Amino acid sequence: MADNIGFGVDVGGSGIKGGVVDLDTGELVGERIKILTPQPATPEAVAETIAEIVRTAGWEGPVGVTLPSVVRNQTALLAANIDPSWVDMDCRELFGRHLPDNPAHVLNDADAAGLAEVRFGDPHARQGSVILLTFGTGIGSALLHDGLLYPNSELGHLYIGDTEAEHMASAAVKEREELSYKKWTKRVSTVLQTYEALFWPNLFVVGGGISRKHEKWVPLLKCKTPVVPAKLHNNAGIAGAALAAAEGLLP
């Protein structure tokens, strides 16, 4: 087993998955453990599921946890695809009870993916300003500069005209409206051009499940900034969470 390892757990609307991560490569060490997200996904139920994953792995040490939420001072401020009772939840107190022997480091899911992609993905993402975007049910975002994270950017909620970016160009919108890649990438290009005008990044990294088919749509994008596909795909959240815990990040 690798010497430099950590443990991350990624909380999603349908599944909670965790595993040991090689912090030199971002790759999982051994099997990924996945348990269906409890319904309703209350803080107590989710925290107990995470504790079960940690126990199953036999992990001793800090644990990184991603949430589909804004996390500030280790307090969850939003609830996307999880129970509304997460709003204003003190994550230190919650995980202090459920993981008393494993200090928890909680952060936004897209932020975790951004940390992982910058550290372990395309080498060009390690310097300068980078925006990671995850296209799924919505559009998640992470802003980084020279590998340092500006947390909780939530760019998917930025209005473009009268419409939130994610209501215009998420992968779910493509599926729901049965858009071709050509029509969908025209919308994505509009989103990227808007972000470009505000932030002038050196690089966009695009992730989410649809990035597995990046050859069908990334070349069609029209913006001045280079765009590269994410490399870690479904394990980016786990890897980023493990990295946050190992490096003591507490957004």
C-alpha atoms as a PDB file:
ATOM      1  CA  MET A   1       0.000   0.000   0.000  1.00  0.00           C
ATOM      2  CA  ALA A   2       1.139   3.562  -0.696  1.00  0.00           C
ATOM      3  CA  ASP A   3       2.670   5.433   2.238  1.00  0.00           C
ATOM      4  CA  ASN A   4       1.003   8.809   1.659  1.00  0.00           C
ATOM      5  CA  ILE A   5      -2.704   8.031   1.982  1.00  0.00           C
ATOM      6  CA  GLY A   6      -5.906   9.705   3.127  1.00  0.00           C
ATOM      7  CA  PHE A   7      -9.613   8.955   3.348  1.00  0.00           C
ATOM      8  CA  GLY A   8     -12.449  10.751   1.600  1.00  0.00           C
ATOM      9  CA  VAL A   9     -16.234  10.415   1.492  1.00  0.00           C
ATOM     10  CA  ASP A  10     -18.389  11.974  -1.236  1.00  0.00           C
ATOM     11  CA  VAL A  11     -22.061  12.556  -0.363  1.00  0.00           C
ATOM     12  CA  GLY A  12     -24.417  12.573  -3.347  1.00  0.00           C
ATOM     13  CA  GLY A  13     -28.170  12.615  -3.747  1.00  0.00           C
ATOM     14  CA  SER A  14     -28.320   8.906  -4.633  1.00  0.00           C
ATOM     15  CA  GLY A  15     -25.165   7.404  -3.151  1.00  0.00           C
ATOM     16  CA  ILE A  16     -22.498   7.989  -0.513  1.00  0.00           C
ATOM     17  CA  LYS A  17     -19.102   6.645  -1.520  1.00  0.00           C
ATOM     18  CA  GLY A  18     -15.752   6.606   0.205  1.00  0.00           C
ATOM     19  CA  GLY A  19     -12.313   5.094   0.081  1.00  0.00           C
ATOM     20  CA  VAL A  20      -8.619   5.270   0.792  1.00  0.00           C
ATOM     21  CA  VAL A  21      -6.761   7.603  -1.592  1.00  0.00           C
ATOM     22  CA  ASP A  22      -3.115   7.645  -2.658  1.00  0.00           C
ATOM     23  CA  LEU A  23      -2.312  11.317  -2.072  1.00  0.00           C
ATOM     24  CA  ASP A  24       0.590  11.232  -4.543  1.00  0.00           C
ATOM     25  CA  THR A  25      -1.561  10.147  -7.499  1.00  0.00           C
ATOM     26  CA  GLY A  26      -5.210  10.735  -6.512  1.00  0.00           C
ATOM     27  CA  GLU A  27      -6.027   7.097  -7.244  1.00  0.00           C
ATOM     28  CA  LEU A  28      -8.060   4.881  -4.928  1.00  0.00           C
ATOM     29  CA  VAL A  29      -6.205   2.285  -2.909  1.00  0.00           C
ATOM     30  CA  GLY A  30      -8.417  -0.796  -2.811  1.00  0.00           C
ATOM     31  CA  GLU A  31     -12.155  -0.880  -3.358  1.00  0.00           C
ATOM     32  CA  ARG A  32     -14.504   2.083  -3.262  1.00  0.00           C
ATOM     33  CA  ILE A  33     -17.239   1.610  -0.656  1.00  0.00           C
ATOM     34  CA  LYS A  34     -20.690   2.817  -1.699  1.00  0.00           C
ATOM     35  CA  ILE A  35     -23.944   2.885   0.258  1.00  0.00           C
ATOM     36  CA  LEU A  36     -27.240   4.290  -1.001  1.00  0.00           C
ATOM     37  CA  THR A  37     -28.007   7.722   0.401  1.00  0.00           C
ATOM     38  CA  PRO A  38     -30.622   7.304   3.139  1.00  0.00           C
ATOM     39  CA  GLN A  39     -34.038   8.787   2.434  1.00  0.00           C
ATOM     40  CA  PRO A  40     -34.729  11.258   3.832  1.00  0.00           C
ATOM     41  CA  ALA A  41     -31.063  12.339   3.777  1.00  0.00           C
ATOM     42  CA  THR A  42     -31.107  13.969   7.213  1.00  0.00           C
ATOM     43  CA  PRO A  43     -27.848  14.972   8.913  1.00  0.00           C
ATOM     44  CA  GLU A  44     -28.096  12.139  11.456  1.00  0.00           C
ATOM     45  CA  ALA A  45     -28.813   9.481   8.812  1.00  0.00           C
ATOM     46  CA  VAL A  46     -26.061  10.684   6.463  1.00  0.00           C
ATOM     47  CA  ALA A  47     -23.508  11.010   9.271  1.00  0.00           C
ATOM     48  CA  GLU A  48     -24.243   7.469  10.458  1.00  0.00           C
ATOM     49  CA  THR A  49     -23.850   6.169   6.881  1.00  0.00           C
ATOM     50  CA  ILE A  50     -20.472   7.913   6.632  1.00  0.00           C
ATOM     51  CA  ALA A  51     -19.459   6.388   9.961  1.00  0.00           C
ATOM     52  CA  GLU A  52     -20.431   2.960   8.592  1.00  0.00           C
ATOM     53  CA  ILE A  53     -18.195   3.502   5.542  1.00  0.00           C
ATOM     54  CA  VAL A  54     -15.271   4.534   7.763  1.00  0.00           C
ATOM     55  CA  ARG A  55     -15.802   1.487  10.011  1.00  0.00           C
ATOM     56  CA  THR A  56     -16.047  -0.846   7.017  1.00  0.00           C
ATOM     57  CA  ALA A  57     -12.729   0.471   5.708  1.00  0.00           C
ATOM     58  CA  GLY A  58     -11.118   0.195   9.140  1.00  0.00           C
ATOM     59  CA  TRP A  59      -9.749   3.708   8.657  1.00  0.00           C
ATOM     60  CA  GLU A  60      -7.995   5.497  11.501  1.00  0.00           C
ATOM     61  CA  GLY A  61      -7.281   9.187  11.068  1.00  0.00           C
ATOM     62  CA  PRO A  62      -8.892  12.322   9.618  1.00  0.00           C
ATOM     63  CA  VAL A  63     -11.762  11.976   7.144  1.00  0.00           C
ATOM     64  CA  GLY A  64     -12.681  14.396   4.373  1.00  0.00           C
ATOM     65  CA  VAL A  65     -16.398  14.755   3.624  1.00  0.00           C
ATOM     66  CA  THR A  66     -18.010  16.484   0.638  1.00  0.00           C
ATOM     67  CA  LEU A  67     -21.543  17.847   0.800  1.00  0.00           C
ATOM     68  CA  PRO A  68     -23.820  19.247  -1.927  1.00  0.00           C
ATOM     69  CA  SER A  69     -23.944  22.449   0.101  1.00  0.00           C
ATOM     70  CA  VAL A  70     -22.156  25.713   0.750  1.00  0.00           C
ATOM     71  CA  VAL A  71     -19.923  25.076   3.764  1.00  0.00           C
ATOM     72  CA  ARG A  72     -18.640  28.055   5.765  1.00  0.00           C
ATOM     73  CA  ASN A  73     -16.797  27.684   9.062  1.00  0.00           C
ATOM     74  CA  GLN A  74     -17.815  24.006   8.953  1.00  0.00           C
ATOM     75  CA  THR A  75     -21.511  24.951   8.903  1.00  0.00           C
ATOM     76  CA  ALA A  76     -23.710  23.801   6.008  1.00  0.00           C
ATOM     77  CA  LEU A  77     -25.698  26.730   4.628  1.00  0.00           C
ATOM     78  CA  LEU A  78     -27.630  25.126   1.749  1.00  0.00           C
ATOM     79  CA  ALA A  79     -29.165  21.733   0.983  1.00  0.00           C
ATOM     80  CA  ALA A  80     -29.093  20.489  -2.627  1.00  0.00           C
ATOM     81  CA  ASN A  81     -30.382  16.927  -3.112  1.00  0.00           C
ATOM     82  CA  ILE A  82     -30.230  16.356   0.652  1.00  0.00           C
ATOM     83  CA  ASP A  83     -32.762  17.022   3.396  1.00  0.00           C
ATOM     84  CA  PRO A  84     -33.548  20.700   4.143  1.00  0.00           C
ATOM     85  CA  SER A  85     -32.630  20.086   7.796  1.00  0.00           C
ATOM     86  CA  TRP A  86     -28.955  20.383   6.723  1.00  0.00           C
ATOM     87  CA  VAL A  87     -29.346  24.167   6.491  1.00  0.00           C
ATOM     88  CA  ASP A  88     -27.346  25.794   9.328  1.00  0.00           C
ATOM     89  CA  MET A  89     -26.120  22.374  10.521  1.00  0.00           C
ATOM     90  CA  ASP A  90     -22.951  22.540  12.656  1.00  0.00           C
ATOM     91  CA  CYS A  91     -20.855  19.838  10.979  1.00  0.00           C
ATOM     92  CA  ARG A  92     -18.214  19.870  13.713  1.00  0.00           C
ATOM     93  CA  GLU A  93     -20.801  18.922  16.329  1.00  0.00           C
ATOM     94  CA  LEU A  94     -22.526  16.395  14.034  1.00  0.00           C
ATOM     95  CA  PHE A  95     -19.428  14.476  12.999  1.00  0.00           C
ATOM     96  CA  GLY A  96     -17.860  14.885  16.423  1.00  0.00           C
ATOM     97  CA  ARG A  97     -20.646  12.606  17.664  1.00  0.00           C
ATOM     98  CA  HIS A  98     -20.675  10.133  14.780  1.00  0.00           C
ATOM     99  CA  LEU A  99     -16.906  10.050  14.133  1.00  0.00           C
ATOM    100  CA  PRO A 100     -15.390  10.797  17.561  1.00  0.00           C
ATOM    101  CA  ASP A 101     -12.038   9.231  16.612  1.00  0.00           C
ATOM    102  CA  ASN A 102     -11.840  10.654  13.078  1.00  0.00           C
ATOM    103  CA  PRO A 103     -11.607  14.459  12.789  1.00  0.00           C
ATOM    104  CA  ALA A 104     -13.903  15.438   9.901  1.00  0.00           C
ATOM    105  CA  HIS A 105     -13.085  18.106   7.314  1.00  0.00           C
ATOM    106  CA  VAL A 106     -16.262  19.086   5.459  1.00  0.00           C
ATOM    107  CA  LEU A 107     -16.339  20.992   2.166  1.00  0.00           C
ATOM    108  CA  ASN A 108     -18.484  21.639  -0.898  1.00  0.00           C
ATOM    109  CA  ASP A 109     -18.511  18.758  -3.395  1.00  0.00           C
ATOM    110  CA  ALA A 110     -17.440  20.813  -6.432  1.00  0.00           C
ATOM    111  CA  ASP A 111     -14.661  22.445  -4.390  1.00  0.00           C
ATOM    112  CA  ALA A 112     -13.354  18.982  -3.510  1.00  0.00           C
ATOM    113  CA  ALA A 113     -13.404  17.957  -7.173  1.00  0.00           C
ATOM    114  CA  GLY A 114     -11.548  21.159  -8.080  1.00  0.00           C
ATOM    115  CA  LEU A 115      -8.823  20.505  -5.512  1.00  0.00           C
ATOM    116  CA  ALA A 116      -8.362  16.992  -6.869  1.00  0.00           C
ATOM    117  CA  GLU A 117      -8.271  17.989 -10.539  1.00  0.00           C
ATOM    118  CA  VAL A 118      -5.737  20.751  -9.912  1.00  0.00           C
ATOM    119  CA  ARG A 119      -3.488  18.446  -7.884  1.00  0.00           C
ATOM    120  CA  PHE A 120      -3.847  15.223  -9.859  1.00  0.00           C
ATOM    121  CA  GLY A 121      -5.349  16.128 -13.247  1.00  0.00           C
ATOM    122  CA  ASP A 122      -4.086  18.191 -16.184  1.00  0.00           C
ATOM    123  CA  PRO A 123      -0.643  19.681 -15.332  1.00  0.00           C
ATOM    124  CA  HIS A 124      -1.709  23.032 -16.846  1.00  0.00           C
ATOM    125  CA  ALA A 125      -4.288  23.382 -14.037  1.00  0.00           C
ATOM    126  CA  ARG A 126      -1.602  23.665 -11.352  1.00  0.00           C
ATOM    127  CA  GLN A 127      -0.648  27.247 -12.147  1.00  0.00           C
ATOM    128  CA  GLY A 128      -2.633  30.417 -12.593  1.00  0.00           C
ATOM    129  CA  SER A 129      -6.385  30.839 -12.259  1.00  0.00           C
ATOM    130  CA  VAL A 130      -8.550  27.814 -13.032  1.00  0.00           C
ATOM    131  CA  ILE A 131     -12.310  27.303 -13.025  1.00  0.00           C
ATOM    132  CA  LEU A 132     -13.587  23.753 -12.674  1.00  0.00           C
ATOM    133  CA  LEU A 133     -17.204  23.222 -13.757  1.00  0.00           C
ATOM    134  CA  THR A 134     -19.156  20.020 -13.132  1.00  0.00           C
ATOM    135  CA  PHE A 135     -22.126  19.472 -15.438  1.00  0.00           C
ATOM    136  CA  GLY A 136     -24.809  17.270 -13.926  1.00  0.00           C
ATOM    137  CA  THR A 137     -28.171  17.994 -12.307  1.00  0.00           C
ATOM    138  CA  GLY A 138     -26.879  21.559 -12.005  1.00  0.00           C
ATOM    139  CA  ILE A 139     -23.521  23.222 -12.653  1.00  0.00           C
ATOM    140  CA  GLY A 140     -21.047  23.003  -9.795  1.00  0.00           C
ATOM    141  CA  SER A 141     -17.981  25.233  -9.730  1.00  0.00           C
ATOM    142  CA  ALA A 142     -14.614  25.622  -8.069  1.00  0.00           C
ATOM    143  CA  LEU A 143     -12.305  28.639  -8.332  1.00  0.00           C
ATOM    144  CA  LEU A 144      -8.593  28.034  -7.792  1.00  0.00           C
ATOM    145  CA  HIS A 145      -5.412  30.066  -8.186  1.00  0.00           C
ATOM    146  CA  ASP A 146      -2.034  28.323  -8.118  1.00  0.00           C
ATOM    147  CA  GLY A 147      -3.814  25.373  -6.519  1.00  0.00           C
ATOM    148  CA  LEU A 148      -5.377  27.443  -3.719  1.00  0.00           C
ATOM    149  CA  LEU A 149      -9.162  27.254  -3.398  1.00  0.00           C
ATOM    150  CA  TYR A 150     -11.627  30.121  -3.118  1.00  0.00           C
ATOM    151  CA  PRO A 151     -14.507  28.121  -1.590  1.00  0.00           C
ATOM    152  CA  ASN A 152     -18.240  28.132  -2.291  1.00  0.00           C
ATOM    153  CA  SER A 153     -18.266  29.960  -5.622  1.00  0.00           C
ATOM    154  CA  GLU A 154     -21.667  28.554  -6.765  1.00  0.00           C
ATOM    155  CA  LEU A 155     -21.289  29.952 -10.283  1.00  0.00           C
ATOM    156  CA  GLY A 156     -24.089  27.722 -11.543  1.00  0.00           C
ATOM    157  CA  HIS A 157     -26.535  30.127  -9.895  1.00  0.00           C
ATOM    158  CA  LEU A 158     -25.189  33.171 -11.733  1.00  0.00           C
ATOM    159  CA  TYR A 159     -27.913  34.716 -13.885  1.00  0.00           C
ATOM    160  CA  ILE A 160     -27.262  35.040 -17.593  1.00  0.00           C
ATOM    161  CA  GLY A 161     -30.036  37.243 -18.882  1.00  0.00           C
ATOM    162  CA  ASP A 162     -33.135  36.065 -17.028  1.00  0.00           C
ATOM    163  CA  THR A 163     -31.933  32.498 -16.440  1.00  0.00           C
ATOM    164  CA  GLU A 164     -29.564  30.850 -13.987  1.00  0.00           C
ATOM    165  CA  ALA A 165     -26.606  29.286 -15.788  1.00  0.00           C
ATOM    166  CA  GLU A 166     -27.466  25.787 -14.607  1.00  0.00           C
ATOM    167  CA  HIS A 167     -31.079  26.125 -15.762  1.00  0.00           C
ATOM    168  CA  MET A 168     -29.715  26.985 -19.195  1.00  0.00           C
ATOM    169  CA  ALA A 169     -26.855  24.535 -19.689  1.00  0.00           C
ATOM    170  CA  SER A 170     -26.632  21.711 -17.163  1.00  0.00           C
ATOM    171  CA  ALA A 171     -26.352  18.124 -18.389  1.00  0.00           C
ATOM    172  CA  ALA A 172     -29.849  17.551 -16.988  1.00  0.00           C
ATOM    173  CA  VAL A 173     -31.215  20.316 -19.214  1.00  0.00           C
ATOM    174  CA  LYS A 174     -29.572  18.705 -22.255  1.00  0.00           C
ATOM    175  CA  GLU A 175     -31.267  15.427 -21.418  1.00  0.00           C
ATOM    176  CA  ARG A 176     -34.640  16.906 -20.474  1.00  0.00           C
ATOM    177  CA  GLU A 177     -34.892  19.082 -23.595  1.00  0.00           C
ATOM    178  CA  GLU A 178     -33.315  16.370 -25.787  1.00  0.00           C
ATOM    179  CA  LEU A 179     -30.711  18.808 -27.101  1.00  0.00           C
ATOM    180  CA  SER A 180     -28.059  17.705 -29.579  1.00  0.00           C
ATOM    181  CA  TYR A 181     -24.436  18.250 -28.504  1.00  0.00           C
ATOM    182  CA  LYS A 182     -24.238  21.080 -31.039  1.00  0.00           C
ATOM    183  CA  LYS A 183     -27.246  22.932 -29.577  1.00  0.00           C
ATOM    184  CA  TRP A 184     -26.206  22.238 -25.996  1.00  0.00           C
ATOM    185  CA  THR A 185     -22.604  23.385 -26.460  1.00  0.00           C
ATOM    186  CA  LYS A 186     -23.905  26.667 -27.869  1.00  0.00           C
ATOM    187  CA  ARG A 187     -25.519  27.242 -24.463  1.00  0.00           C
ATOM    188  CA  VAL A 188     -22.425  26.042 -22.596  1.00  0.00           C
ATOM    189  CA  SER A 189     -20.319  28.443 -24.686  1.00  0.00           C
ATOM    190  CA  THR A 190     -22.545  31.327 -23.585  1.00  0.00           C
ATOM    191  CA  VAL A 191     -21.983  30.310 -19.941  1.00  0.00           C
ATOM    192  CA  LEU A 192     -18.213  30.034 -20.393  1.00  0.00           C
ATOM    193  CA  GLN A 193     -18.029  33.383 -22.187  1.00  0.00           C
ATOM    194  CA  THR A 194     -19.890  34.999 -19.269  1.00  0.00           C
ATOM    195  CA  TYR A 195     -17.490  33.494 -16.711  1.00  0.00           C
ATOM    196  CA  GLU A 196     -14.594  34.516 -18.939  1.00  0.00           C
ATOM    197  CA  ALA A 197     -15.690  38.150 -18.947  1.00  0.00           C
ATOM    198  CA  LEU A 198     -15.849  38.150 -15.139  1.00  0.00           C
ATOM    199  CA  PHE A 199     -12.782  36.110 -14.149  1.00  0.00           C
ATOM    200  CA  TRP A 200     -10.435  35.754 -17.166  1.00  0.00           C
ATOM    201  CA  PRO A 201      -9.172  32.332 -16.083  1.00  0.00           C
ATOM    202  CA  ASN A 202      -6.138  30.595 -17.587  1.00  0.00           C
ATOM    203  CA  LEU A 203      -8.077  27.360 -17.967  1.00  0.00           C
ATOM    204  CA  PHE A 204     -11.527  25.779 -17.714  1.00  0.00           C
ATOM    205  CA  VAL A 205     -11.723  22.162 -16.514  1.00  0.00           C
ATOM    206  CA  VAL A 206     -15.070  20.526 -17.319  1.00  0.00           C
ATOM    207  CA  GLY A 207     -16.292  17.532 -15.343  1.00  0.00           C
ATOM    208  CA  GLY A 208     -19.408  15.610 -14.420  1.00  0.00           C
ATOM    209  CA  GLY A 209     -20.585  12.375 -16.014  1.00  0.00           C
ATOM    210  CA  ILE A 210     -20.950  14.015 -19.415  1.00  0.00           C
ATOM    211  CA  SER A 211     -17.211  14.768 -19.484  1.00  0.00           C
ATOM    212  CA  ARG A 212     -16.630  11.061 -20.215  1.00  0.00           C
ATOM    213  CA  LYS A 213     -17.859  11.891 -23.737  1.00  0.00           C
ATOM    214  CA  HIS A 214     -15.803  15.089 -23.944  1.00  0.00           C
ATOM    215  CA  GLU A 215     -14.660  14.350 -27.495  1.00  0.00           C
ATOM    216  CA  LYS A 216     -18.272  14.880 -28.644  1.00  0.00           C
ATOM    217  CA  TRP A 217     -18.660  18.378 -27.253  1.00  0.00           C
ATOM    218  CA  VAL A 218     -15.533  20.053 -25.847  1.00  0.00           C
ATOM    219  CA  PRO A 219     -14.117  20.704 -29.379  1.00  0.00           C
ATOM    220  CA  LEU A 220     -17.391  22.476 -30.264  1.00  0.00           C
ATOM    221  CA  LEU A 221     -17.080  25.063 -27.464  1.00  0.00           C
ATOM    222  CA  LYS A 222     -16.456  28.659 -28.456  1.00  0.00           C
ATOM    223  CA  CYS A 223     -14.504  30.716 -25.925  1.00  0.00           C
ATOM    224  CA  LYS A 224     -11.054  32.303 -25.695  1.00  0.00           C
ATOM    225  CA  THR A 225      -9.931  30.246 -22.700  1.00  0.00           C
ATOM    226  CA  PRO A 226      -8.565  26.704 -23.205  1.00  0.00           C
ATOM    227  CA  VAL A 227     -10.955  23.967 -22.039  1.00  0.00           C
ATOM    228  CA  VAL A 228      -9.793  20.518 -20.883  1.00  0.00           C
ATOM    229  CA  PRO A 229     -11.856  17.565 -19.611  1.00  0.00           C
ATOM    230  CA  ALA A 230     -11.604  16.417 -16.007  1.00  0.00           C
ATOM    231  CA  LYS A 231      -9.524  13.288 -15.506  1.00  0.00           C
ATOM    232  CA  LEU A 232     -10.690  11.866 -12.187  1.00  0.00           C
ATOM    233  CA  HIS A 233     -14.395  11.645 -13.069  1.00  0.00           C
ATOM    234  CA  ASN A 234     -16.455   9.939 -10.327  1.00  0.00           C
ATOM    235  CA  ASN A 235     -13.555   9.696  -7.872  1.00  0.00           C
ATOM    236  CA  ALA A 236     -12.673  13.411  -7.891  1.00  0.00           C
ATOM    237  CA  GLY A 237     -14.865  14.153  -4.846  1.00  0.00           C
ATOM    238  CA  ILE A 238     -13.358  11.332  -2.789  1.00  0.00           C
ATOM    239  CA  ALA A 239      -9.806  12.336  -3.758  1.00  0.00           C
ATOM    240  CA  GLY A 240     -10.405  16.023  -3.046  1.00  0.00           C
ATOM    241  CA  ALA A 241     -12.015  15.253   0.302  1.00  0.00           C
ATOM    242  CA  ALA A 242      -9.072  13.064   1.313  1.00  0.00           C
ATOM    243  CA  LEU A 243      -6.688  15.829   0.255  1.00  0.00           C
ATOM    244  CA  ALA A 244      -8.586  18.425   2.302  1.00  0.00           C
ATOM    245  CA  ALA A 245      -8.457  16.227   5.406  1.00  0.00           C
ATOM    246  CA  ALA A 246      -4.765  15.436   4.980  1.00  0.00           C
ATOM    247  CA  GLU A 247      -3.882  19.111   4.549  1.00  0.00           C
ATOM    248  CA  GLY A 248      -6.149  20.350   7.330  1.00  0.00           C
ATOM    249  CA  LEU A 249      -8.481  22.440   5.148  1.00  0.00           C
ATOM    250  CA  LEU A 250     -11.586  23.661   6.975  1.00  0.00           C
ATOM    251  CA  PRO A 251     -13.707  25.910   4.706  1.00  0.00           C
END
